[in-house]
Structures are given as C-alpha cells and as structure tokens.
Amino acid sequence: MIKLKDVSRKFTSRKSEVTALDGVNIQIKEGEFIAVVGPSGSGKSTLLNIIGGLDTPTKGQAEINGKDLRKLKDKELSQYRNREIGFIFQEFHLEPLSTVKENILLPTLFNHKTNEEDALSETLIKEVGLSKKTNARAQELSGGEKQRTAIARALINNPKIIIADEPTGNLDQKTGKTIINLLKRLHKIHNTTLIIATHDENIANTAKRIIHIEDGKIHKQPHHP
C-alpha cells in the first residue's frame, strides 16, 4: 500500500521558490496499475521520485508498504530503492559496453550474486523477447531493445513496485505501444504495483486508475473497469 498524506515538495534557490507538489493525498493499493498524467512541470516526476525514495517531501508523510520514508536512514533508503522499487526511465541508463545480461544484473551487485539471480535474468530475457540479444552490447541495441533491457533490469530484484517515468518518450508510436503492452503483461505475471507517468492519453486510458496532476495538485482520479 502506498499512502501519501498532505505531501508537499518545494525547491528553493536564492531568487525563487518552486512548489512541485502541494498537499497531495494519494492511496495506491498493492497490485494496482496507475497512470499519472499532467503537463510538463506539473509534478509528475517529483511524485514518482518521492514514491521511489529518490526524493523526500518538504512536508507531509510518504508511507510505502508500512515504511515512513522520511524516517529511514540513508542506508535503509538505499536498500528500499534497490529491493522494493524497479525504475524505468525515458532515458535507458544502460552501460553501453556491457551486455544485455550484464545490464540486467547490475542491481544485484549490491547483493551477492547467486545462481538464482542468474537464472531469473535468463527468464526475464525470455519474457522481454531478447533471447537472441543476451550477449549483445547495449550500444548495439535499438531503442525498443534498450527499453526491454531496462524493464528486465527493473524486475531483477523482484520489486513490489514498478515506477515508469515516460517509458515511451524516446520511442516511436509502434514500439511504444509494444513496450506498454509488455509492461502490462509483466505487471500481471510478477504481481507488481505499476505506476506510469505519461503524456499519452492512449496509454493512460489502459490503466485501472488515472491520477491527474497539475500545478502540483491532484485534480481527479477516474477509475476504469
């Protein structure tokens, strides 16, 4: 369960103060598929960053699976991000000279890599349709193949929550649709909570619930059957 209560996030500089989130209240149940929509600068990425433990609220409470993120020490927060969250970004953030398999296994470097993790990487490579690219370097991949690699990497530690920030932003429409369908399928297979930030209404309309954010405030949360 994800609970944000009266969450605000302000960024200050010498000359100005920007309110990225303003009194946000959200509850997301385990296993839900949520789309977060809104214009550029509306607070979508800040919202995802707080849920993912990449940022902390200036005010309010962010409780994820029973953990109050503001009360976690740096080491605990790092473990939370690594073990409970799988991140997928618009930019793929792959090591260009490393292979598909090596990139997928990167998050396991914080742990002692086991045969189980190696076997899971092979399973994920098959699930994302990259069996023929296992030993290809990331720099040799197409955009769609890079995002498939990033999806598999996000799942390698069996996270409870997948956070995807504009995952189709650097892809053509056809490839983007394939990636979203893949994410939805894997979300069901692995029983994760899936949260996608997107500008694309077609993607948003496939979600179970849409969270609309503008000027740092939640405006509406329609449900889909």
Protein backbone atom coordinates (compact mmCIF):
# COMPACT_ATOMS: atom_id res chain seq x y z
CA MET A 1 0.00 0.00 0.00
CA ILE A 2 1.25 3.45 -0.95
CA LYS A 3 -0.03 6.31 1.21
CA LEU A 4 0.86 9.96 0.66
CA LYS A 5 -0.67 12.28 3.23
CA ASP A 6 -0.56 16.07 2.76
CA VAL A 7 2.71 15.74 0.82
CA SER A 8 4.34 18.93 -0.40
CA ARG A 9 7.71 19.38 -2.07
CA LYS A 10 9.31 22.78 -2.52
CA PHE A 11 12.55 23.61 -4.29
CA THR A 12 14.24 26.81 -3.22
CA SER A 13 17.05 28.91 -4.60
CA ARG A 14 18.38 32.33 -3.72
CA LYS A 15 15.94 34.03 -6.07
CA SER A 16 12.84 31.85 -6.06
CA GLU A 17 10.81 29.04 -4.55
CA VAL A 18 9.00 26.46 -6.67
CA THR A 19 6.23 24.26 -5.28
CA ALA A 20 6.41 20.97 -7.21
CA LEU A 21 3.80 19.20 -5.05
CA ASP A 22 1.17 20.93 -2.94
CA GLY A 23 -0.76 18.98 -0.30
CA VAL A 24 -1.01 15.72 -2.24
CA ASN A 25 -3.11 12.88 -0.80
CA ILE A 26 -3.00 9.51 -2.58
CA GLN A 27 -3.58 5.87 -1.74
CA ILE A 28 -2.49 3.13 -4.16
CA LYS A 29 -3.33 -0.47 -3.39
CA GLU A 30 -0.93 -3.35 -3.90
CA GLY A 31 -1.12 -4.68 -7.46
CA GLU A 32 -2.83 -1.61 -8.98
CA PHE A 33 -1.94 -0.21 -12.41
CA ILE A 34 -1.91 3.59 -12.14
CA ALA A 35 -1.29 6.24 -14.79
CA VAL A 36 -0.08 9.67 -13.66
CA VAL A 37 -0.88 12.35 -16.24
CA GLY A 38 -0.37 16.08 -16.49
CA PRO A 39 1.51 18.75 -18.46
CA SER A 40 5.27 19.22 -18.29
CA GLY A 41 6.27 20.74 -14.96
CA SER A 42 3.06 19.61 -13.26
CA GLY A 43 4.83 17.50 -10.61
CA LYS A 44 4.58 14.01 -12.15
CA SER A 45 8.27 13.16 -11.86
CA THR A 46 8.51 14.63 -8.36
CA LEU A 47 5.57 12.47 -7.28
CA LEU A 48 7.23 9.34 -8.69
CA ASN A 49 10.58 10.26 -7.17
CA ILE A 50 9.03 10.54 -3.70
CA ILE A 51 7.26 7.17 -4.03
CA GLY A 52 10.53 5.66 -5.25
CA GLY A 53 12.63 7.12 -2.45
CA LEU A 54 14.70 9.29 -4.81
CA ASP A 55 13.37 12.44 -3.12
CA THR A 56 11.74 13.27 0.20
CA PRO A 57 8.75 15.54 0.97
CA THR A 58 9.32 19.00 2.36
CA LYS A 59 6.13 18.45 4.32
CA GLY A 60 3.74 15.55 4.87
CA GLN A 61 4.09 11.78 5.11
CA ALA A 62 5.06 9.22 2.47
CA GLU A 63 4.36 5.71 3.72
CA ILE A 64 5.18 2.82 1.38
CA ASN A 65 4.38 -0.74 2.43
CA GLY A 66 4.35 0.34 6.05
CA LYS A 67 7.59 2.34 5.89
CA ASP A 68 7.65 6.09 6.56
CA LEU A 69 10.32 7.13 4.06
CA ARG A 70 11.21 10.32 5.92
CA LYS A 71 12.26 8.26 8.94
CA LEU A 72 14.59 5.90 7.06
CA LYS A 73 18.34 6.33 7.35
CA ASP A 74 20.36 6.68 4.13
CA LYS A 75 21.37 3.01 4.11
CA GLU A 76 17.78 1.89 4.73
CA LEU A 77 16.51 4.19 1.98
CA SER A 78 19.10 2.79 -0.43
CA GLN A 79 18.01 -0.76 0.41
CA TYR A 80 14.36 0.22 -0.08
CA ARG A 81 15.08 1.62 -3.55
CA ASN A 82 17.14 -1.39 -4.56
CA ARG A 83 14.90 -4.15 -3.20
CA GLU A 84 11.36 -2.83 -3.36
CA ILE A 85 11.33 -0.47 -6.36
CA GLY A 86 12.05 -1.12 -10.02
CA PHE A 87 12.75 2.06 -12.01
CA ILE A 88 12.21 2.58 -15.73
CA PHE A 89 13.00 5.97 -17.25
CA GLN A 90 12.64 7.75 -20.58
CA GLU A 91 16.43 7.60 -20.87
CA PHE A 92 17.51 3.98 -20.70
CA HIS A 93 20.55 4.44 -18.38
CA LEU A 94 22.30 1.32 -19.67
CA GLU A 95 26.04 0.68 -19.58
CA PRO A 96 26.83 0.92 -23.31
CA LEU A 97 29.76 -1.52 -23.32
CA SER A 98 28.05 -4.09 -21.11
CA THR A 99 25.89 -6.88 -22.50
CA VAL A 100 22.13 -7.17 -22.12
CA LYS A 101 22.55 -9.77 -19.38
CA GLU A 102 25.21 -7.74 -17.55
CA ASN A 103 22.98 -4.65 -17.57
CA ILE A 104 20.03 -6.63 -16.25
CA LEU A 105 22.15 -7.98 -13.38
CA LEU A 106 23.54 -4.55 -12.36
CA PRO A 107 21.09 -4.03 -9.45
CA THR A 108 22.20 -7.34 -7.94
CA LEU A 109 25.73 -6.03 -7.42
CA PHE A 110 24.56 -4.67 -4.05
CA ASN A 111 23.87 -8.28 -3.08
CA HIS A 112 25.96 -11.39 -3.52
CA LYS A 113 25.02 -12.57 -7.00
CA THR A 114 23.54 -16.04 -6.77
CA ASN A 115 22.64 -18.77 -9.22
CA GLU A 116 19.00 -17.87 -8.53
CA GLU A 117 19.51 -14.31 -9.78
CA ASP A 118 21.40 -15.59 -12.81
CA ALA A 119 18.52 -17.95 -13.61
CA LEU A 120 15.99 -15.13 -13.12
CA SER A 121 17.92 -12.94 -15.54
CA GLU A 122 17.63 -15.68 -18.17
CA THR A 123 13.88 -15.94 -17.53
CA LEU A 124 13.43 -12.17 -17.80
CA ILE A 125 15.44 -12.04 -21.03
CA LYS A 126 12.99 -14.53 -22.50
CA GLU A 127 9.97 -12.66 -21.12
CA VAL A 128 11.05 -9.39 -22.74
CA GLY A 129 11.88 -11.12 -26.03
CA LEU A 130 15.66 -10.64 -26.07
CA SER A 131 16.87 -14.25 -26.10
CA LYS A 132 18.87 -13.63 -29.27
CA LYS A 133 20.47 -10.50 -27.81
CA THR A 134 21.69 -11.85 -24.45
CA ASN A 135 25.36 -11.20 -25.19
CA ALA A 136 24.88 -8.09 -27.36
CA ARG A 137 26.32 -4.85 -26.00
CA ALA A 138 23.79 -2.17 -25.09
CA GLN A 139 25.25 0.25 -27.64
CA GLU A 140 24.30 -2.22 -30.40
CA LEU A 141 20.60 -2.29 -29.47
CA SER A 142 17.65 -0.40 -30.95
CA GLY A 143 15.64 1.96 -28.76
CA GLY A 144 12.95 -0.65 -28.18
CA GLU A 145 15.53 -3.30 -27.28
CA LYS A 146 17.21 -0.92 -24.84
CA GLN A 147 13.88 -0.26 -23.09
CA ARG A 148 13.17 -4.01 -22.95
CA THR A 149 16.54 -4.44 -21.26
CA ALA A 150 15.70 -1.65 -18.81
CA ILE A 151 12.37 -3.34 -17.99
CA ALA A 152 14.07 -6.66 -17.27
CA ARG A 153 16.65 -4.86 -15.11
CA ALA A 154 13.83 -3.21 -13.14
CA LEU A 155 12.39 -6.65 -12.33
CA ILE A 156 15.61 -8.49 -11.41
CA ASN A 157 15.27 -7.92 -7.63
CA ASN A 158 11.57 -8.92 -7.59
CA PRO A 159 10.37 -5.42 -6.61
CA LYS A 160 6.89 -4.81 -5.26
CA ILE A 161 6.51 -1.54 -7.20
CA ILE A 162 7.48 -0.65 -10.77
CA ILE A 163 7.84 3.08 -11.48
CA ALA A 164 8.00 4.07 -15.15
CA ASP A 165 8.57 7.77 -15.90
CA GLU A 166 7.63 8.44 -19.55
CA PRO A 167 8.91 4.99 -20.61
CA THR A 168 7.90 5.51 -24.26
CA GLY A 169 9.14 9.08 -24.57
CA ASN A 170 12.14 8.19 -26.76
CA LEU A 171 10.35 5.54 -28.84
CA ASP A 172 8.22 5.65 -31.98
CA GLN A 173 4.49 5.05 -31.55
CA LYS A 174 4.51 1.40 -32.63
CA THR A 175 7.47 0.47 -30.42
CA GLY A 176 5.97 2.47 -27.54
CA LYS A 177 2.72 0.51 -27.76
CA THR A 178 4.66 -2.76 -27.70
CA ILE A 179 6.60 -1.64 -24.61
CA ILE A 180 3.42 -0.65 -22.76
CA ASN A 181 1.78 -3.99 -23.58
CA LEU A 182 4.93 -5.74 -22.32
CA LEU A 183 4.86 -3.73 -19.07
CA LYS A 184 1.20 -4.57 -18.50
CA ARG A 185 1.81 -8.27 -19.12
CA LEU A 186 4.83 -8.42 -16.80
CA HIS A 187 2.96 -6.41 -14.15
CA LYS A 188 0.37 -9.22 -14.06
CA ILE A 189 2.91 -12.06 -14.22
CA HIS A 190 5.03 -10.66 -11.39
CA ASN A 191 2.11 -9.22 -9.39
CA THR A 192 3.66 -5.77 -9.03
CA THR A 193 2.14 -2.36 -8.50
CA LEU A 194 2.70 -0.45 -11.76
CA ILE A 195 2.84 3.35 -11.84
CA ILE A 196 3.40 5.03 -15.21
CA ALA A 197 3.80 8.77 -15.78
CA THR A 198 2.83 9.68 -19.33
CA HIS A 199 1.68 12.44 -21.67
CA ASP A 200 -0.05 9.86 -23.87
CA GLU A 201 -3.80 9.62 -23.24
CA ASN A 202 -3.98 6.27 -25.03
CA ILE A 203 -1.50 4.80 -22.56
CA ALA A 204 -3.25 6.42 -19.59
CA ASN A 205 -6.62 5.03 -20.63
CA THR A 206 -5.32 1.46 -20.35
CA ALA A 207 -4.63 1.94 -16.63
CA LYS A 208 -7.03 0.90 -13.89
CA ARG A 209 -6.94 4.42 -12.45
CA ILE A 210 -5.70 7.80 -13.65
CA ILE A 211 -4.17 10.35 -11.30
CA HIS A 212 -4.28 13.80 -12.92
CA ILE A 213 -1.81 16.30 -11.54
CA GLU A 214 -1.48 19.97 -12.41
CA ASP A 215 0.46 22.73 -10.65
CA GLY A 216 1.45 20.17 -8.02
CA LYS A 217 -2.14 19.31 -7.07
CA ILE A 218 -4.26 16.22 -7.69
CA HIS A 219 -7.34 17.11 -9.76
CA LYS A 220 -9.18 13.89 -10.49
CA GLN A 221 -8.73 10.16 -10.17
CA PRO A 222 -11.13 8.38 -12.54
CA HIS A 223 -11.39 4.59 -12.34
CA HIS A 224 -11.63 2.28 -15.32
CA PRO A 225 -13.45 -1.06 -15.17
